[in-house]
C-alpha atoms as a PDB file:
ATOM      1  CA  MET A   1     -25.797  58.953 -15.287  1.00  0.00           C
ATOM      2  CA  GLU A   2     -25.897  62.334 -17.050  1.00  0.00           C
ATOM      3  CA  ILE A   3     -24.091  62.181 -20.407  1.00  0.00           C
ATOM      4  CA  LYS A   4     -25.626  65.150 -22.205  1.00  0.00           C
ATOM      5  CA  ASP A   5     -22.796  67.050 -23.918  1.00  0.00           C
ATOM      6  CA  ALA A   6     -20.201  64.520 -22.736  1.00  0.00           C
ATOM      7  CA  VAL A   7     -17.751  63.259 -25.327  1.00  0.00           C
ATOM      8  CA  ALA A   8     -17.544  59.488 -25.814  1.00  0.00           C
ATOM      9  CA  VAL A   9     -15.105  57.465 -27.948  1.00  0.00           C
ATOM     10  CA  VAL A  10     -16.584  54.226 -29.277  1.00  0.00           C
ATOM     11  CA  THR A  11     -14.109  51.731 -30.695  1.00  0.00           C
ATOM     12  CA  GLY A  12     -15.633  49.714 -33.502  1.00  0.00           C
ATOM     13  CA  GLY A  13     -18.403  52.313 -33.621  1.00  0.00           C
ATOM     14  CA  ALA A  14     -19.081  52.088 -37.332  1.00  0.00           C
ATOM     15  CA  SER A  15     -20.952  48.758 -37.262  1.00  0.00           C
ATOM     16  CA  GLY A  16     -22.600  46.088 -35.117  1.00  0.00           C
ATOM     17  CA  LEU A  17     -22.656  46.570 -31.338  1.00  0.00           C
ATOM     18  CA  GLY A  18     -20.367  49.575 -31.598  1.00  0.00           C
ATOM     19  CA  LEU A  19     -22.830  51.332 -33.882  1.00  0.00           C
ATOM     20  CA  ALA A  20     -25.695  50.484 -31.552  1.00  0.00           C
ATOM     21  CA  THR A  21     -23.711  51.971 -28.674  1.00  0.00           C
ATOM     22  CA  THR A  22     -22.933  55.053 -30.737  1.00  0.00           C
ATOM     23  CA  LYS A  23     -26.603  55.599 -31.509  1.00  0.00           C
ATOM     24  CA  ALA A  24     -27.631  55.066 -27.856  1.00  0.00           C
ATOM     25  CA  LEU A  25     -25.096  57.645 -26.701  1.00  0.00           C
ATOM     26  CA  LEU A  26     -26.247  60.130 -29.324  1.00  0.00           C
ATOM     27  CA  ASP A  27     -29.863  59.568 -28.289  1.00  0.00           C
ATOM     28  CA  GLU A  28     -28.850  60.518 -24.731  1.00  0.00           C
ATOM     29  CA  GLY A  29     -27.223  63.751 -25.913  1.00  0.00           C
ATOM     30  CA  ALA A  30     -23.549  62.802 -25.969  1.00  0.00           C
ATOM     31  CA  LYS A  31     -21.083  63.787 -28.674  1.00  0.00           C
ATOM     32  CA  VAL A  32     -19.419  60.670 -30.134  1.00  0.00           C
ATOM     33  CA  VAL A  33     -16.120  59.970 -31.820  1.00  0.00           C
ATOM     34  CA  ILE A  34     -16.353  56.763 -33.835  1.00  0.00           C
ATOM     35  CA  LEU A  35     -12.954  55.060 -33.801  1.00  0.00           C
ATOM     36  CA  ASP A  36     -12.749  52.318 -36.399  1.00  0.00           C
ATOM     37  CA  LEU A  37     -10.518  50.863 -39.058  1.00  0.00           C
ATOM     38  CA  PRO A  38      -9.653  53.084 -42.014  1.00  0.00           C
ATOM     39  CA  THR A  39     -11.330  50.540 -44.288  1.00  0.00           C
ATOM     40  CA  SER A  40     -14.648  50.813 -42.431  1.00  0.00           C
ATOM     41  CA  ASP A  41     -17.615  52.936 -43.474  1.00  0.00           C
ATOM     42  CA  GLY A  42     -16.970  55.164 -40.469  1.00  0.00           C
ATOM     43  CA  GLU A  43     -16.862  58.468 -42.337  1.00  0.00           C
ATOM     44  CA  ALA A  44     -20.192  57.826 -44.037  1.00  0.00           C
ATOM     45  CA  VAL A  45     -21.746  56.509 -40.822  1.00  0.00           C
ATOM     46  CA  ALA A  46     -20.669  59.598 -38.870  1.00  0.00           C
ATOM     47  CA  LYS A  47     -22.052  61.920 -41.563  1.00  0.00           C
ATOM     48  CA  GLY A  48     -25.336  60.034 -41.505  1.00  0.00           C
ATOM     49  CA  LEU A  49     -25.633  60.328 -37.735  1.00  0.00           C
ATOM     50  CA  GLY A  50     -25.417  64.110 -37.647  1.00  0.00           C
ATOM     51  CA  GLU A  51     -23.229  66.895 -36.346  1.00  0.00           C
ATOM     52  CA  ARG A  52     -22.555  65.329 -32.939  1.00  0.00           C
ATOM     53  CA  ALA A  53     -20.794  62.337 -34.505  1.00  0.00           C
ATOM     54  CA  ARG A  54     -17.241  62.336 -35.856  1.00  0.00           C
ATOM     55  CA  PHE A  55     -15.028  59.617 -37.299  1.00  0.00           C
ATOM     56  CA  ALA A  56     -11.390  58.907 -36.536  1.00  0.00           C
ATOM     57  CA  ALA A  57      -9.623  56.123 -38.426  1.00  0.00           C
ATOM     58  CA  ALA A  58      -7.354  53.936 -36.323  1.00  0.00           C
ATOM     59  CA  ASP A  59      -6.479  50.319 -35.675  1.00  0.00           C
ATOM     60  CA  VAL A  60      -6.608  49.797 -31.904  1.00  0.00           C
ATOM     61  CA  CYS A  61      -4.258  46.807 -32.293  1.00  0.00           C
ATOM     62  CA  ASP A  62      -1.555  49.257 -33.460  1.00  0.00           C
ATOM     63  CA  GLU A  63      -0.361  51.423 -30.520  1.00  0.00           C
ATOM     64  CA  ASP A  64       1.162  53.997 -32.871  1.00  0.00           C
ATOM     65  CA  ALA A  65      -2.172  54.447 -34.660  1.00  0.00           C
ATOM     66  CA  VAL A  66      -4.047  55.255 -31.486  1.00  0.00           C
END
Protein backbone atom coordinates (compact mmCIF):
# COMPACT_ATOMS: atom_id res chain seq x y z
CA MET A 1 0.00 0.00 0.00
CA GLU A 2 1.30 3.46 -0.91
CA ILE A 3 0.98 5.87 2.02
CA LYS A 4 3.54 8.53 1.11
CA ASP A 5 1.95 11.94 1.72
CA ALA A 6 -1.26 10.34 3.04
CA VAL A 7 -2.65 11.73 6.29
CA ALA A 8 -3.22 9.27 9.13
CA VAL A 9 -4.88 9.82 12.50
CA VAL A 10 -3.51 7.60 15.26
CA THR A 11 -5.57 7.43 18.44
CA GLY A 12 -3.38 6.91 21.47
CA GLY A 13 -0.45 7.89 19.29
CA ALA A 14 1.63 9.53 22.03
CA SER A 15 2.78 6.31 23.71
CA GLY A 16 3.01 2.54 23.50
CA LEU A 17 1.63 0.78 20.43
CA GLY A 18 0.13 4.01 19.16
CA LEU A 19 3.52 5.68 19.18
CA ALA A 20 5.07 2.69 17.41
CA THR A 21 2.35 2.95 14.76
CA THR A 22 2.93 6.69 14.44
CA LYS A 23 6.65 6.16 13.89
CA ALA A 24 6.06 3.39 11.34
CA LEU A 25 3.68 5.60 9.36
CA LEU A 26 6.14 8.49 9.42
CA ASP A 27 8.92 6.16 8.26
CA GLU A 28 6.75 5.27 5.25
CA GLY A 29 6.24 8.95 4.38
CA ALA A 30 2.79 9.62 5.82
CA LYS A 31 1.78 12.74 7.69
CA VAL A 32 0.37 11.83 11.11
CA VAL A 33 -2.05 13.47 13.51
CA ILE A 34 -1.52 12.09 17.00
CA LEU A 35 -4.87 12.04 18.79
CA ASP A 36 -4.45 11.51 22.52
CA LEU A 37 -5.63 12.72 25.90
CA PRO A 38 -4.91 16.35 26.80
CA THR A 39 -2.87 15.08 29.76
CA SER A 40 -0.57 13.02 27.51
CA ASP A 41 2.85 14.10 26.28
CA GLY A 42 1.42 14.34 22.77
CA GLU A 43 2.57 17.87 22.02
CA ALA A 44 6.18 17.12 22.98
CA VAL A 45 6.08 13.78 21.15
CA ALA A 46 4.82 15.42 17.95
CA LYS A 47 7.48 18.12 18.11
CA GLY A 48 10.15 15.48 18.61
CA LEU A 49 8.97 13.50 15.58
CA GLY A 50 9.31 16.35 13.12
CA GLU A 51 7.25 18.53 10.84
CA ARG A 52 5.03 15.73 9.49
CA ALA A 53 3.60 15.00 12.96
CA ARG A 54 0.93 17.05 14.70
CA PHE A 55 -0.91 16.63 17.99
CA ALA A 56 -4.62 17.02 18.66
CA ALA A 57 -5.90 16.64 22.21
CA ALA A 58 -9.12 14.67 22.56
CA ASP A 59 -10.71 11.93 24.62
CA VAL A 60 -12.19 9.41 22.16
CA CYS A 61 -14.61 8.26 24.88
CA ASP A 62 -16.21 11.73 24.73
CA GLU A 63 -18.13 12.16 21.43
CA ASP A 64 -18.17 15.94 21.81
CA ALA A 65 -14.39 16.04 22.13
CA VAL A 66 -13.83 14.20 18.88
